[in-house]
């Protein structure tokens, strides 16, 4: 049984509304003002809150503001119950995080439809989606049940790229959000003298290319397949719908997008402060962590010395010397472009 907190200072409205909800098999907690409502919400964590705007002691805006500051109550669906219909009041409430409005007077059908819609959306946003093409497609298909996202297109398609084929180029306009379904992809920036700096590495299940979409600017880097790869292309119009049309969906989607932000920050700190030897070790550990699907076995990856040097941020010659040292220390095995990590733990703990 779902629990609904009803915050309303008018006794008649509160009791009539509670009766409708209880007849629909909801458990209803009641509060006669905003202060008591906040206390009940923090103590009971209801599944949904219905709150009047104009109340003594603490009004509806104050209630949603206080609850939004608490991580345990900030995600509870919130519906304003109000007699005020001015556009400014609706806008203010939505900007503060309200999910919906019900305007007095209302009938039982209108009330229950709004409640069921918000509870259904809340359940959807709790769902965990697989980090693969099926999971991404299910996410898009499921959220189309939300009213403001019904116009999402079905124009998602997979495009195959050969090894070393460019996916997008620096200076080109972004038309898609990219999801790596299979393979490996690097993004990099080119120096005016032709030197590359690899900005990121992507594995199956990663999104990329979204920074340019968010900034509405041309790509500031290049993307290239490190091996034969399949990439799901998501139209930029759908990306903008997910980001701008619904606050709850936006938070869910941002979490899906930003899986590797902390890793990228650590990479930049490592580049700035570590020795070449430490940076090479960290690059090999990063490759292991991102691409090794069978941790109990030795990890082997085929990568050019130039690409690996660009990841490390050093000259190719320095990289080759360091790899030779690691080989002598039995940390890795090297054969042509293939590198096998034989002692992951020592590489990870390498200090200098």
Protein backbone atom coordinates (compact mmCIF):
# COMPACT_ATOMS: atom_id res chain seq x y z
CA UNK A 1 0.00 0.00 0.00
CA UNK A 2 1.39 3.38 -1.03
CA UNK A 3 1.56 6.16 1.56
CA UNK A 4 0.52 9.72 0.71
CA UNK A 5 1.16 12.75 2.90
CA UNK A 6 -1.61 15.35 2.60
CA UNK A 7 -0.70 18.85 3.88
CA UNK A 8 -3.74 21.15 3.91
CA UNK A 9 -4.90 23.73 6.47
CA UNK A 10 -8.58 23.66 5.44
CA UNK A 11 -10.16 20.89 7.51
CA UNK A 12 -13.01 20.17 5.09
CA UNK A 13 -10.74 19.99 2.02
CA UNK A 14 -8.21 17.86 3.91
CA UNK A 15 -10.78 15.35 5.17
CA UNK A 16 -12.60 15.07 1.82
CA UNK A 17 -9.34 14.59 -0.07
CA UNK A 18 -8.11 12.00 2.43
CA UNK A 19 -11.38 10.09 2.09
CA UNK A 20 -11.04 9.90 -1.71
CA UNK A 21 -7.47 8.63 -1.42
CA UNK A 22 -8.31 6.07 1.26
CA UNK A 23 -11.18 4.71 -0.84
CA UNK A 24 -8.60 4.21 -3.61
CA UNK A 25 -6.57 2.05 -1.18
CA UNK A 26 -3.89 4.59 -0.26
CA UNK A 27 -2.63 5.10 3.28
CA UNK A 28 -3.00 8.81 4.07
CA UNK A 29 -1.00 10.83 6.59
CA UNK A 30 -2.48 14.27 7.36
CA UNK A 31 -0.89 17.57 8.41
CA UNK A 32 -2.73 20.84 9.11
CA UNK A 33 0.22 23.11 8.29
CA UNK A 34 3.57 23.08 6.50
CA UNK A 35 5.75 22.78 9.61
CA UNK A 36 3.98 19.64 10.78
CA UNK A 37 3.99 18.35 7.20
CA UNK A 38 7.79 18.63 6.95
CA UNK A 39 8.20 16.77 10.25
CA UNK A 40 5.89 13.95 9.11
CA UNK A 41 7.64 13.70 5.73
CA UNK A 42 11.07 13.45 7.34
CA UNK A 43 9.89 10.83 9.83
CA UNK A 44 7.82 8.65 7.47
CA UNK A 45 9.27 9.13 3.93
CA UNK A 46 5.87 8.90 2.14
CA UNK A 47 5.62 7.75 -1.48
CA UNK A 48 4.00 11.04 -2.53
CA UNK A 49 3.16 14.44 -1.04
CA UNK A 50 0.11 16.56 -1.83
CA UNK A 51 0.54 20.05 -0.40
CA UNK A 52 -1.52 23.26 -0.34
CA UNK A 53 0.37 26.47 -1.18
CA UNK A 54 -1.27 29.09 1.04
CA UNK A 55 -0.95 27.90 4.66
CA UNK A 56 -0.06 29.41 8.04
CA UNK A 57 3.34 28.93 9.76
CA UNK A 58 5.02 27.49 6.64
CA UNK A 59 3.53 27.71 3.14
CA UNK A 60 3.83 25.16 0.35
CA UNK A 61 6.88 26.82 -1.18
CA UNK A 62 8.63 26.60 2.19
CA UNK A 63 7.71 22.93 2.49
CA UNK A 64 9.17 21.94 -0.87
CA UNK A 65 12.26 24.07 -0.23
CA UNK A 66 12.99 22.35 3.10
CA UNK A 67 12.34 18.87 1.77
CA UNK A 68 14.55 19.47 -1.28
CA UNK A 69 17.52 20.10 1.05
CA UNK A 70 17.25 16.61 2.56
CA UNK A 71 18.54 13.77 0.36
CA UNK A 72 16.01 11.35 1.88
CA UNK A 73 13.01 13.53 0.95
CA UNK A 74 14.21 15.45 -2.11
CA UNK A 75 13.07 12.76 -4.57
CA UNK A 76 9.56 12.26 -3.17
CA UNK A 77 6.99 13.18 -5.88
CA UNK A 78 5.34 16.48 -4.93
CA UNK A 79 1.94 17.79 -6.06
CA UNK A 80 0.72 21.28 -5.19
CA UNK A 81 -2.94 21.59 -4.26
CA UNK A 82 -4.01 25.17 -4.76
CA UNK A 83 -6.81 27.56 -5.62
CA UNK A 84 -4.32 29.98 -7.16
CA UNK A 85 -4.16 29.78 -10.95
CA UNK A 86 -1.81 32.65 -11.80
CA UNK A 87 0.90 31.60 -14.24
CA UNK A 88 3.66 32.94 -12.00
CA UNK A 89 2.65 30.60 -9.16
CA UNK A 90 2.80 27.55 -11.46
CA UNK A 91 6.22 28.57 -12.78
CA UNK A 92 7.63 29.20 -9.31
CA UNK A 93 6.44 25.83 -8.07
CA UNK A 94 7.88 23.93 -11.04
CA UNK A 95 11.21 25.74 -10.71
CA UNK A 96 11.36 24.63 -7.08
CA UNK A 97 10.84 20.99 -8.06
CA UNK A 98 7.08 20.37 -7.95
CA UNK A 99 5.91 17.53 -10.21
CA UNK A 100 2.33 18.64 -10.77
CA UNK A 101 -0.56 20.93 -9.77
CA UNK A 102 -4.16 20.19 -8.90
CA UNK A 103 -6.37 23.26 -8.87
CA UNK A 104 -9.29 23.55 -6.44
CA UNK A 105 -12.06 22.68 -6.90
CA UNK A 106 -11.25 19.23 -8.31
CA UNK A 107 -13.10 15.92 -8.66
CA UNK A 108 -11.99 12.48 -7.51
CA UNK A 109 -11.04 11.32 -11.03
CA UNK A 110 -8.73 14.30 -11.57
CA UNK A 111 -7.09 13.77 -8.18
CA UNK A 112 -6.52 10.02 -8.62
CA UNK A 113 -5.27 10.39 -12.19
CA UNK A 114 -2.62 12.88 -11.04
CA UNK A 115 -1.60 10.71 -8.08
CA UNK A 116 -1.33 7.50 -10.12
CA UNK A 117 0.62 9.27 -12.86
CA UNK A 118 3.20 10.63 -10.43
CA UNK A 119 3.57 7.34 -8.57
CA UNK A 120 4.07 5.50 -11.86
CA UNK A 121 6.76 7.99 -12.91
CA UNK A 122 8.48 7.62 -9.53
CA UNK A 123 8.63 3.83 -9.94
CA UNK A 124 10.05 4.26 -13.43
CA UNK A 125 12.82 6.54 -12.17
CA UNK A 126 13.82 3.94 -9.56
CA UNK A 127 14.31 1.31 -12.25
CA UNK A 128 17.89 0.32 -13.02
CA UNK A 129 18.56 -0.18 -16.73
CA UNK A 130 21.20 -2.50 -18.18
CA UNK A 131 24.33 -0.78 -19.44
CA UNK A 132 23.90 -2.03 -23.01
CA UNK A 133 21.86 -1.28 -26.13
CA UNK A 134 18.83 -3.20 -24.86
CA UNK A 135 18.96 -1.26 -21.60
CA UNK A 136 19.23 2.11 -23.34
CA UNK A 137 16.36 1.27 -25.70
CA UNK A 138 14.23 0.10 -22.77
CA UNK A 139 14.95 3.35 -20.94
CA UNK A 140 13.81 5.39 -23.96
CA UNK A 141 10.74 3.21 -24.52
CA UNK A 142 9.68 3.31 -20.86
CA UNK A 143 10.00 7.06 -20.39
CA UNK A 144 7.78 7.64 -23.42
CA UNK A 145 4.94 6.76 -21.03
CA UNK A 146 5.58 10.10 -19.32
CA UNK A 147 3.30 12.73 -20.80
CA UNK A 148 5.89 15.38 -21.66
CA UNK A 149 8.16 12.79 -23.29
CA UNK A 150 5.65 11.03 -25.52
CA UNK A 151 7.11 12.67 -28.63
CA UNK A 152 10.49 10.98 -28.29
CA UNK A 153 11.39 9.46 -31.64
CA UNK A 154 12.21 5.84 -32.45
CA UNK A 155 15.00 6.97 -34.78
CA UNK A 156 17.82 5.27 -32.88
CA UNK A 157 20.12 3.23 -35.07
CA UNK A 158 23.41 1.40 -34.77
CA UNK A 159 26.27 2.41 -37.07
CA UNK A 160 29.42 0.33 -37.49
CA UNK A 161 32.89 1.91 -37.61
CA UNK A 162 36.10 0.23 -38.72
CA UNK A 163 39.31 0.44 -36.68
CA UNK A 164 40.83 3.96 -36.98
CA UNK A 165 37.64 5.32 -38.60
CA UNK A 166 36.57 8.76 -37.36
CA UNK A 167 33.20 8.94 -35.60
CA UNK A 168 33.19 12.73 -35.33
CA UNK A 169 35.78 15.45 -35.89
CA UNK A 170 36.85 18.52 -33.97
CA UNK A 171 34.90 21.55 -35.23
CA UNK A 172 31.96 19.56 -36.64
CA UNK A 173 28.41 20.15 -35.41
CA UNK A 174 26.89 17.55 -33.06
CA UNK A 175 23.76 15.83 -34.35
CA UNK A 176 23.73 12.77 -32.10
CA UNK A 177 24.41 11.46 -28.64
CA UNK A 178 26.67 8.40 -29.00
CA UNK A 179 26.43 5.13 -27.05
CA UNK A 180 29.15 2.53 -27.52
CA UNK A 181 27.43 -0.82 -28.06
CA UNK A 182 30.54 -2.80 -28.99
CA UNK A 183 34.25 -2.08 -29.29
CA UNK A 184 36.56 0.65 -28.02
CA UNK A 185 36.68 4.38 -28.84
CA UNK A 186 39.13 7.16 -28.03
CA UNK A 187 38.55 10.89 -28.03
CA UNK A 188 41.53 13.14 -28.61
CA UNK A 189 42.66 16.66 -29.38
CA UNK A 190 45.27 17.47 -32.01
CA UNK A 191 48.11 19.93 -31.45
CA UNK A 192 48.92 22.28 -34.31
CA UNK A 193 52.14 20.29 -34.93
CA UNK A 194 50.21 17.02 -35.25
CA UNK A 195 50.70 15.72 -31.70
CA UNK A 196 47.67 14.02 -30.14
CA UNK A 197 46.42 14.19 -26.58
CA UNK A 198 43.90 11.48 -25.76
CA UNK A 199 41.14 13.01 -23.65
CA UNK A 200 39.22 9.82 -22.89
CA UNK A 201 38.79 6.13 -23.60
CA UNK A 202 35.36 4.55 -23.90
CA UNK A 203 34.26 0.97 -23.44
CA UNK A 204 31.04 -0.87 -24.21
CA UNK A 205 28.19 0.75 -22.27
CA UNK A 206 29.60 4.31 -22.31
CA UNK A 207 27.94 7.45 -23.67
CA UNK A 208 30.13 10.05 -25.37
CA UNK A 209 29.82 13.27 -27.36
CA UNK A 210 27.32 14.85 -24.97
CA UNK A 211 29.43 17.81 -23.79
CA UNK A 212 29.13 19.50 -27.21
CA UNK A 213 25.36 18.92 -27.12
CA UNK A 214 25.05 20.43 -23.65
CA UNK A 215 27.10 23.47 -24.65
CA UNK A 216 25.41 23.68 -28.08
CA UNK A 217 28.83 24.14 -29.67
CA UNK A 218 30.90 22.28 -32.29
CA UNK A 219 32.92 19.29 -31.05
CA UNK A 220 36.11 20.34 -29.24
CA UNK A 221 37.73 16.94 -29.84
CA UNK A 222 37.84 14.03 -32.26
CA UNK A 223 36.44 10.53 -31.74
CA UNK A 224 38.00 7.50 -33.41
CA UNK A 225 37.37 3.75 -33.20
CA UNK A 226 40.29 1.91 -31.60
CA UNK A 227 38.90 -1.32 -33.03
CA UNK A 228 35.88 -2.31 -35.10
CA UNK A 229 33.00 -0.80 -33.12
CA UNK A 230 29.20 -0.49 -33.13
CA UNK A 231 27.76 2.83 -31.96
CA UNK A 232 24.12 3.62 -31.17
CA UNK A 233 23.18 7.05 -32.56
CA UNK A 234 20.56 8.92 -30.51
CA UNK A 235 19.11 12.05 -32.20
CA UNK A 236 20.04 15.29 -30.45
CA UNK A 237 16.35 16.29 -30.27
CA UNK A 238 15.73 13.28 -28.01
CA UNK A 239 18.76 14.20 -25.91
CA UNK A 240 17.40 17.73 -25.38
CA UNK A 241 13.95 16.34 -24.49
CA UNK A 242 15.50 14.17 -21.77
CA UNK A 243 17.57 17.03 -20.38
CA UNK A 244 15.04 19.86 -20.45
CA UNK A 245 11.49 18.45 -20.34
CA UNK A 246 11.35 16.59 -17.04
CA UNK A 247 13.45 17.16 -13.92
CA UNK A 248 13.19 13.58 -12.63
CA UNK A 249 14.13 12.02 -15.94
CA UNK A 250 16.95 14.52 -16.33
CA UNK A 251 18.53 13.41 -13.03
CA UNK A 252 18.21 9.75 -14.01
CA UNK A 253 19.70 10.36 -17.44
CA UNK A 254 22.56 12.53 -16.15
CA UNK A 255 23.50 9.68 -13.82
CA UNK A 256 23.61 7.32 -16.80
CA UNK A 257 25.75 9.77 -18.78
CA UNK A 258 28.27 10.70 -16.13
CA UNK A 259 29.57 7.27 -15.12
CA UNK A 260 33.19 8.15 -15.98
CA UNK A 261 33.47 11.79 -14.78
CA UNK A 262 35.39 10.92 -11.58
CA UNK A 263 37.74 8.70 -13.58
CA UNK A 264 38.44 11.54 -16.01
CA UNK A 265 39.21 13.94 -13.15
CA UNK A 266 41.64 11.41 -11.66
CA UNK A 267 43.30 11.00 -15.06
CA UNK A 268 43.96 14.75 -15.29
CA UNK A 269 45.40 14.91 -11.76
CA UNK A 270 47.61 11.92 -12.57
CA UNK A 271 48.82 13.62 -15.75
CA UNK A 272 49.74 16.80 -13.91
CA UNK A 273 51.59 15.42 -10.89
CA UNK A 274 52.94 11.90 -11.52
CA UNK A 275 56.22 10.69 -13.01
CA UNK A 276 56.28 9.09 -16.48
CA UNK A 277 56.79 5.67 -14.90
CA UNK A 278 53.79 6.15 -12.60
CA UNK A 279 51.66 7.53 -15.43
CA UNK A 280 52.43 4.56 -17.68
CA UNK A 281 51.51 2.20 -14.85
CA UNK A 282 48.26 4.09 -14.23
CA UNK A 283 47.41 4.03 -17.94
CA UNK A 284 47.85 0.24 -18.04
CA UNK A 285 45.73 -0.11 -14.88
CA UNK A 286 43.04 2.10 -16.46
CA UNK A 287 43.00 -0.04 -19.60
CA UNK A 288 42.72 -3.16 -17.42
CA UNK A 289 39.88 -1.70 -15.34
CA UNK A 290 37.91 -0.48 -18.35
CA UNK A 291 38.29 -3.37 -20.74
CA UNK A 292 39.06 -6.55 -18.81
CA UNK A 293 35.99 -8.78 -18.75
CA UNK A 294 37.69 -11.79 -17.12
CA UNK A 295 39.64 -10.55 -14.06
CA UNK A 296 40.79 -14.06 -13.15
CA UNK A 297 42.83 -14.30 -16.38
CA UNK A 298 45.80 -12.38 -17.75
CA UNK A 299 44.65 -9.25 -19.55
CA UNK A 300 45.84 -8.61 -23.08
CA UNK A 301 45.19 -5.51 -25.17
CA UNK A 302 46.32 -4.49 -28.63
CA UNK A 303 47.14 -0.78 -28.69
CA UNK A 304 49.66 1.22 -30.68
CA UNK A 305 52.60 2.75 -28.85
CA UNK A 306 51.54 6.15 -30.16
CA UNK A 307 48.03 5.83 -28.75
CA UNK A 308 49.34 4.63 -25.40
CA UNK A 309 51.87 7.50 -25.30
CA UNK A 310 49.03 9.94 -25.98
CA UNK A 311 47.05 8.49 -23.09
CA UNK A 312 50.05 8.85 -20.79
CA UNK A 313 50.94 12.30 -22.11
CA UNK A 314 54.55 11.55 -22.97
CA UNK A 315 56.82 10.99 -25.96
CA UNK A 316 56.58 7.62 -27.69
CA UNK A 317 60.28 6.98 -27.01
CA UNK A 318 59.80 7.52 -23.27
CA UNK A 319 56.85 5.16 -23.28
CA UNK A 320 58.80 2.43 -25.06
CA UNK A 321 61.66 2.68 -22.55
CA UNK A 322 59.22 2.46 -19.64
CA UNK A 323 57.46 -0.56 -21.13
CA UNK A 324 60.86 -2.24 -21.51
CA UNK A 325 61.53 -1.60 -17.82
CA UNK A 326 58.15 -3.04 -16.87
CA UNK A 327 58.85 -6.09 -19.02
CA UNK A 328 62.17 -6.69 -17.24
CA UNK A 329 60.40 -6.33 -13.90
CA UNK A 330 57.88 -8.97 -15.07
CA UNK A 331 54.94 -6.59 -14.68
CA UNK A 332 53.93 -7.01 -18.32
CA UNK A 333 54.64 -9.09 -21.41
CA UNK A 334 55.07 -7.41 -24.79
CA UNK A 335 54.64 -8.91 -28.23
CA UNK A 336 54.34 -6.56 -31.20
CA UNK A 337 51.41 -4.20 -30.40
CA UNK A 338 50.00 -6.57 -27.76
CA UNK A 339 50.58 -5.86 -24.08
CA UNK A 340 49.72 -8.46 -21.45
CA UNK A 341 49.46 -7.32 -17.84
CA UNK A 342 50.95 -10.05 -15.67
CA UNK A 343 51.06 -8.28 -12.30
CA UNK A 344 48.13 -5.90 -11.97
CA UNK A 345 48.54 -5.35 -8.23
CA UNK A 346 52.18 -4.24 -8.47
CA UNK A 347 51.34 -1.86 -11.33
CA UNK A 348 48.49 -0.41 -9.29
CA UNK A 349 50.70 0.14 -6.23
CA UNK A 350 53.67 1.51 -8.17
CA UNK A 351 54.78 4.75 -6.50
CA UNK A 352 57.50 6.11 -8.76
